[in-house]
């Protein structure tokens, strides 16, 4: 089995949902039509056809870094983000989202 494609979603310096969505769109190379809302992020994570090249065949590991400041400043938004990551990982067996703690 081949290793999954690894994408880092760096949330360092992210202060709000809009910035998180921009970072996600950039890190995951999401299409221009990406709606930059929670439902659109969930749909994109669950749809291998919009993942970066070769990730649909290999699987996708999204490593979220720099998230602690955002989580502390926007706990309600962070709770929604975690729910989106968890739900997407549970629906799509080729997707893993990991929070970097170090």
N, C-alpha and C. Protein backbone atom coordinates (compact mmCIF):
# COMPACT_ATOMS: atom_id res chain seq x y z
N UNK A 1 0.83 -1.18 0.00
CA UNK A 1 0.00 0.00 0.00
C UNK A 1 0.88 1.25 0.00
N UNK A 2 0.50 2.24 -0.77
CA UNK A 2 1.26 3.48 -0.82
C UNK A 2 0.89 4.38 0.35
N UNK A 3 1.80 5.25 0.69
CA UNK A 3 1.55 6.21 1.77
C UNK A 3 0.57 7.27 1.30
N UNK A 4 -0.23 7.79 2.24
CA UNK A 4 -1.17 8.85 1.84
C UNK A 4 -0.45 10.14 1.48
N UNK A 5 -1.10 10.93 0.70
CA UNK A 5 -0.60 12.27 0.41
C UNK A 5 -0.76 13.08 1.69
N UNK A 6 0.28 13.76 2.12
CA UNK A 6 0.24 14.55 3.35
C UNK A 6 0.15 16.02 2.98
N UNK A 7 -0.84 16.69 3.57
CA UNK A 7 -1.04 18.12 3.38
C UNK A 7 -1.03 18.77 4.76
N UNK A 8 -0.26 19.83 4.90
CA UNK A 8 -0.24 20.57 6.16
C UNK A 8 -1.19 21.75 6.05
N UNK A 9 -2.09 21.84 7.01
CA UNK A 9 -2.99 22.98 7.12
C UNK A 9 -2.50 23.79 8.31
N UNK A 10 -1.70 24.81 8.04
CA UNK A 10 -1.09 25.63 9.08
C UNK A 10 -2.03 26.77 9.45
N UNK A 11 -2.50 26.75 10.68
CA UNK A 11 -3.42 27.78 11.15
C UNK A 11 -2.71 28.85 11.98
N UNK A 12 -1.40 28.83 11.97
CA UNK A 12 -0.65 29.86 12.70
C UNK A 12 -1.03 31.25 12.21
N UNK A 13 -1.40 32.13 13.14
CA UNK A 13 -1.79 33.48 12.80
C UNK A 13 -3.22 33.64 12.35
N UNK A 14 -3.96 32.55 12.24
CA UNK A 14 -5.36 32.63 11.82
C UNK A 14 -6.18 33.21 12.97
N UNK A 15 -6.96 34.24 12.67
CA UNK A 15 -7.71 34.92 13.71
C UNK A 15 -9.22 34.76 13.60
N UNK A 16 -9.69 34.22 12.46
CA UNK A 16 -11.14 34.08 12.30
C UNK A 16 -11.45 33.01 11.26
N UNK A 17 -12.73 32.72 11.13
CA UNK A 17 -13.20 31.68 10.22
C UNK A 17 -12.80 31.97 8.77
N UNK A 18 -12.89 33.21 8.35
CA UNK A 18 -12.54 33.56 6.97
C UNK A 18 -11.09 33.20 6.68
N UNK A 19 -10.20 33.49 7.61
CA UNK A 19 -8.79 33.16 7.41
C UNK A 19 -8.57 31.65 7.42
N UNK A 20 -9.31 30.94 8.28
CA UNK A 20 -9.21 29.48 8.28
C UNK A 20 -9.64 28.92 6.93
N UNK A 21 -10.72 29.43 6.40
CA UNK A 21 -11.20 28.95 5.10
C UNK A 21 -10.20 29.26 3.99
N UNK A 22 -9.59 30.43 4.04
CA UNK A 22 -8.57 30.77 3.05
C UNK A 22 -7.39 29.82 3.13
N UNK A 23 -6.94 29.52 4.36
CA UNK A 23 -5.82 28.59 4.54
C UNK A 23 -6.18 27.20 4.05
N UNK A 24 -7.40 26.75 4.36
CA UNK A 24 -7.84 25.43 3.91
C UNK A 24 -7.89 25.37 2.39
N UNK A 25 -8.43 26.41 1.78
CA UNK A 25 -8.51 26.44 0.31
C UNK A 25 -7.12 26.38 -0.31
N UNK A 26 -6.19 27.09 0.28
CA UNK A 26 -4.82 27.10 -0.25
C UNK A 26 -4.12 25.76 -0.02
N UNK A 27 -4.17 25.27 1.21
CA UNK A 27 -3.46 24.02 1.55
C UNK A 27 -3.99 22.83 0.76
N UNK A 28 -5.31 22.78 0.59
CA UNK A 28 -5.93 21.65 -0.09
C UNK A 28 -6.12 21.87 -1.58
N UNK A 29 -5.65 23.04 -2.05
CA UNK A 29 -5.79 23.38 -3.48
C UNK A 29 -7.24 23.23 -3.94
N UNK A 30 -8.15 23.78 -3.14
CA UNK A 30 -9.57 23.66 -3.45
C UNK A 30 -9.92 24.55 -4.64
N UNK A 31 -10.95 24.16 -5.38
CA UNK A 31 -11.31 24.93 -6.58
C UNK A 31 -11.80 26.34 -6.24
N UNK A 32 -11.77 27.22 -7.22
CA UNK A 32 -12.19 28.61 -7.03
C UNK A 32 -13.63 28.72 -6.53
N UNK A 33 -14.46 27.74 -6.86
CA UNK A 33 -15.86 27.79 -6.46
C UNK A 33 -16.09 27.36 -5.00
N UNK A 34 -15.01 26.99 -4.29
CA UNK A 34 -15.13 26.61 -2.88
C UNK A 34 -15.82 27.74 -2.12
N UNK A 35 -16.89 27.43 -1.40
CA UNK A 35 -17.76 28.42 -0.79
C UNK A 35 -17.27 29.08 0.48
N UNK A 36 -16.17 28.63 1.04
CA UNK A 36 -15.58 29.22 2.24
C UNK A 36 -16.57 29.31 3.42
N UNK A 37 -17.29 28.21 3.63
CA UNK A 37 -18.14 28.09 4.81
C UNK A 37 -18.00 26.66 5.32
N UNK A 38 -18.56 26.38 6.48
CA UNK A 38 -18.37 25.06 7.10
C UNK A 38 -18.92 23.93 6.24
N UNK A 39 -20.09 24.11 5.65
CA UNK A 39 -20.66 23.06 4.80
C UNK A 39 -19.78 22.81 3.58
N UNK A 40 -19.26 23.87 2.98
CA UNK A 40 -18.40 23.71 1.81
C UNK A 40 -17.10 23.00 2.19
N UNK A 41 -16.55 23.31 3.36
CA UNK A 41 -15.34 22.62 3.81
C UNK A 41 -15.62 21.14 4.04
N UNK A 42 -16.74 20.85 4.69
CA UNK A 42 -17.11 19.45 4.93
C UNK A 42 -17.29 18.71 3.61
N UNK A 43 -17.98 19.33 2.67
CA UNK A 43 -18.19 18.70 1.36
C UNK A 43 -16.87 18.47 0.64
N UNK A 44 -15.96 19.43 0.71
CA UNK A 44 -14.68 19.31 0.03
C UNK A 44 -13.82 18.21 0.65
N UNK A 45 -13.82 18.13 1.97
CA UNK A 45 -13.05 17.09 2.63
C UNK A 45 -13.59 15.70 2.31
N UNK A 46 -14.88 15.60 2.09
CA UNK A 46 -15.51 14.31 1.82
C UNK A 46 -15.54 13.95 0.33
N UNK A 47 -15.00 14.81 -0.51
CA UNK A 47 -15.06 14.60 -1.96
C UNK A 47 -13.67 14.45 -2.56
N UNK A 48 -13.17 13.22 -2.72
CA UNK A 48 -11.83 13.03 -3.25
C UNK A 48 -11.60 13.65 -4.63
N UNK A 49 -12.67 13.96 -5.37
CA UNK A 49 -12.47 14.55 -6.69
C UNK A 49 -11.91 15.97 -6.62
N UNK A 50 -12.01 16.63 -5.46
CA UNK A 50 -11.45 17.98 -5.34
C UNK A 50 -10.17 18.00 -4.51
N UNK A 51 -9.70 16.85 -4.07
CA UNK A 51 -8.45 16.78 -3.32
C UNK A 51 -7.26 17.07 -4.22
N UNK A 52 -6.10 17.32 -3.63
CA UNK A 52 -4.88 17.52 -4.43
C UNK A 52 -4.59 16.30 -5.31
N UNK A 53 -3.84 16.51 -6.39
CA UNK A 53 -3.53 15.42 -7.32
C UNK A 53 -2.99 14.18 -6.60
N UNK A 54 -3.43 13.05 -7.03
CA UNK A 54 -3.07 11.69 -6.59
C UNK A 54 -3.55 11.33 -5.19
N UNK A 55 -4.15 12.25 -4.45
CA UNK A 55 -4.62 11.94 -3.10
C UNK A 55 -5.79 10.98 -3.11
N UNK A 56 -6.64 11.06 -4.12
CA UNK A 56 -7.79 10.16 -4.18
C UNK A 56 -7.35 8.71 -4.29
N UNK A 57 -6.23 8.48 -4.97
CA UNK A 57 -5.71 7.11 -5.11
C UNK A 57 -4.93 6.66 -3.87
N UNK A 58 -4.19 7.59 -3.27
CA UNK A 58 -3.30 7.25 -2.16
C UNK A 58 -3.92 7.45 -0.80
N UNK A 59 -4.96 8.26 -0.72
CA UNK A 59 -5.49 8.70 0.56
C UNK A 59 -4.91 10.06 0.90
N UNK A 60 -5.51 10.71 1.87
CA UNK A 60 -5.10 12.07 2.23
C UNK A 60 -4.98 12.17 3.74
N UNK A 61 -3.83 12.64 4.19
CA UNK A 61 -3.61 12.93 5.60
C UNK A 61 -3.44 14.44 5.72
N UNK A 62 -4.38 15.09 6.41
CA UNK A 62 -4.32 16.52 6.65
C UNK A 62 -3.80 16.72 8.07
N UNK A 63 -2.63 17.33 8.18
CA UNK A 63 -2.04 17.61 9.48
C UNK A 63 -2.27 19.08 9.79
N UNK A 64 -3.05 19.33 10.84
CA UNK A 64 -3.39 20.70 11.22
C UNK A 64 -2.38 21.17 12.26
N UNK A 65 -1.64 22.22 11.92
CA UNK A 65 -0.64 22.78 12.81
C UNK A 65 -1.03 24.21 13.19
N UNK A 66 -0.41 24.74 14.23
CA UNK A 66 -0.64 26.12 14.62
C UNK A 66 -2.06 26.45 15.01
N UNK A 67 -2.81 25.47 15.49
CA UNK A 67 -4.23 25.64 15.75
C UNK A 67 -4.56 26.15 17.15
N UNK A 68 -3.64 26.06 18.09
CA UNK A 68 -3.96 26.39 19.49
C UNK A 68 -4.39 27.84 19.69
N UNK A 69 -3.72 28.79 19.05
CA UNK A 69 -4.10 30.19 19.22
C UNK A 69 -5.51 30.44 18.70
N UNK A 70 -5.81 29.91 17.53
CA UNK A 70 -7.16 30.04 16.97
C UNK A 70 -8.18 29.38 17.89
N UNK A 71 -7.87 28.20 18.37
CA UNK A 71 -8.79 27.48 19.25
C UNK A 71 -9.08 28.28 20.52
N UNK A 72 -8.07 28.93 21.05
CA UNK A 72 -8.26 29.73 22.26
C UNK A 72 -9.02 31.02 22.01
N UNK A 73 -8.76 31.65 20.86
CA UNK A 73 -9.39 32.92 20.55
C UNK A 73 -10.82 32.76 20.05
N UNK A 74 -11.10 31.66 19.37
CA UNK A 74 -12.42 31.42 18.76
C UNK A 74 -12.91 30.01 19.11
N UNK A 75 -13.17 29.75 20.39
CA UNK A 75 -13.51 28.37 20.78
C UNK A 75 -14.76 27.82 20.10
N UNK A 76 -15.76 28.66 19.87
CA UNK A 76 -16.98 28.16 19.21
C UNK A 76 -16.69 27.77 17.77
N UNK A 77 -15.95 28.60 17.06
CA UNK A 77 -15.57 28.27 15.68
C UNK A 77 -14.69 27.03 15.65
N UNK A 78 -13.75 26.94 16.59
CA UNK A 78 -12.86 25.79 16.63
C UNK A 78 -13.64 24.50 16.88
N UNK A 79 -14.66 24.57 17.71
CA UNK A 79 -15.49 23.39 17.96
C UNK A 79 -16.16 22.94 16.66
N UNK A 80 -16.64 23.88 15.87
CA UNK A 80 -17.25 23.53 14.59
C UNK A 80 -16.20 22.94 13.65
N UNK A 81 -15.02 23.54 13.61
CA UNK A 81 -13.95 23.01 12.75
C UNK A 81 -13.62 21.57 13.13
N UNK A 82 -13.49 21.30 14.42
CA UNK A 82 -13.20 19.94 14.86
C UNK A 82 -14.31 18.97 14.45
N UNK A 83 -15.53 19.42 14.55
CA UNK A 83 -16.67 18.58 14.14
C UNK A 83 -16.61 18.28 12.64
N UNK A 84 -16.29 19.30 11.86
CA UNK A 84 -16.17 19.10 10.41
C UNK A 84 -15.05 18.11 10.10
N UNK A 85 -13.89 18.28 10.74
CA UNK A 85 -12.77 17.37 10.51
C UNK A 85 -13.13 15.94 10.91
N UNK A 86 -13.76 15.79 12.06
CA UNK A 86 -14.13 14.47 12.56
C UNK A 86 -15.15 13.80 11.66
N UNK A 87 -16.18 14.54 11.28
CA UNK A 87 -17.22 13.97 10.42
C UNK A 87 -16.66 13.56 9.06
N UNK A 88 -15.82 14.40 8.49
CA UNK A 88 -15.25 14.09 7.17
C UNK A 88 -14.36 12.85 7.26
N UNK A 89 -13.58 12.75 8.31
CA UNK A 89 -12.72 11.58 8.47
C UNK A 89 -13.54 10.31 8.64
N UNK A 90 -14.67 10.42 9.32
CA UNK A 90 -15.52 9.26 9.54
C UNK A 90 -16.26 8.80 8.30
N UNK A 91 -16.54 9.74 7.38
CA UNK A 91 -17.30 9.40 6.16
C UNK A 91 -16.40 8.90 5.04
N UNK A 92 -15.22 9.41 4.99
CA UNK A 92 -14.32 9.10 3.87
C UNK A 92 -13.14 8.29 4.39
N UNK A 93 -13.10 6.99 4.10
CA UNK A 93 -12.05 6.15 4.66
C UNK A 93 -10.64 6.51 4.18
N UNK A 94 -10.53 7.26 3.12
CA UNK A 94 -9.22 7.63 2.62
C UNK A 94 -8.69 8.92 3.26
N UNK A 95 -9.46 9.52 4.16
CA UNK A 95 -9.08 10.80 4.76
C UNK A 95 -8.81 10.65 6.24
N UNK A 96 -7.68 11.21 6.67
CA UNK A 96 -7.37 11.32 8.08
C UNK A 96 -6.99 12.77 8.35
N UNK A 97 -7.55 13.32 9.42
CA UNK A 97 -7.18 14.66 9.86
C UNK A 97 -6.53 14.51 11.22
N UNK A 98 -5.31 15.03 11.36
CA UNK A 98 -4.57 14.92 12.61
C UNK A 98 -4.19 16.30 13.12
N UNK A 99 -4.37 16.53 14.41
CA UNK A 99 -3.96 17.78 15.01
C UNK A 99 -2.55 17.59 15.57
N UNK A 100 -1.63 18.43 15.11
CA UNK A 100 -0.26 18.39 15.60
C UNK A 100 -0.24 19.07 16.96
N UNK A 101 0.29 18.40 17.96
CA UNK A 101 0.30 18.96 19.30
C UNK A 101 1.66 19.48 19.72
N UNK A 102 2.67 19.22 18.94
CA UNK A 102 4.02 19.65 19.32
C UNK A 102 4.55 20.72 18.42
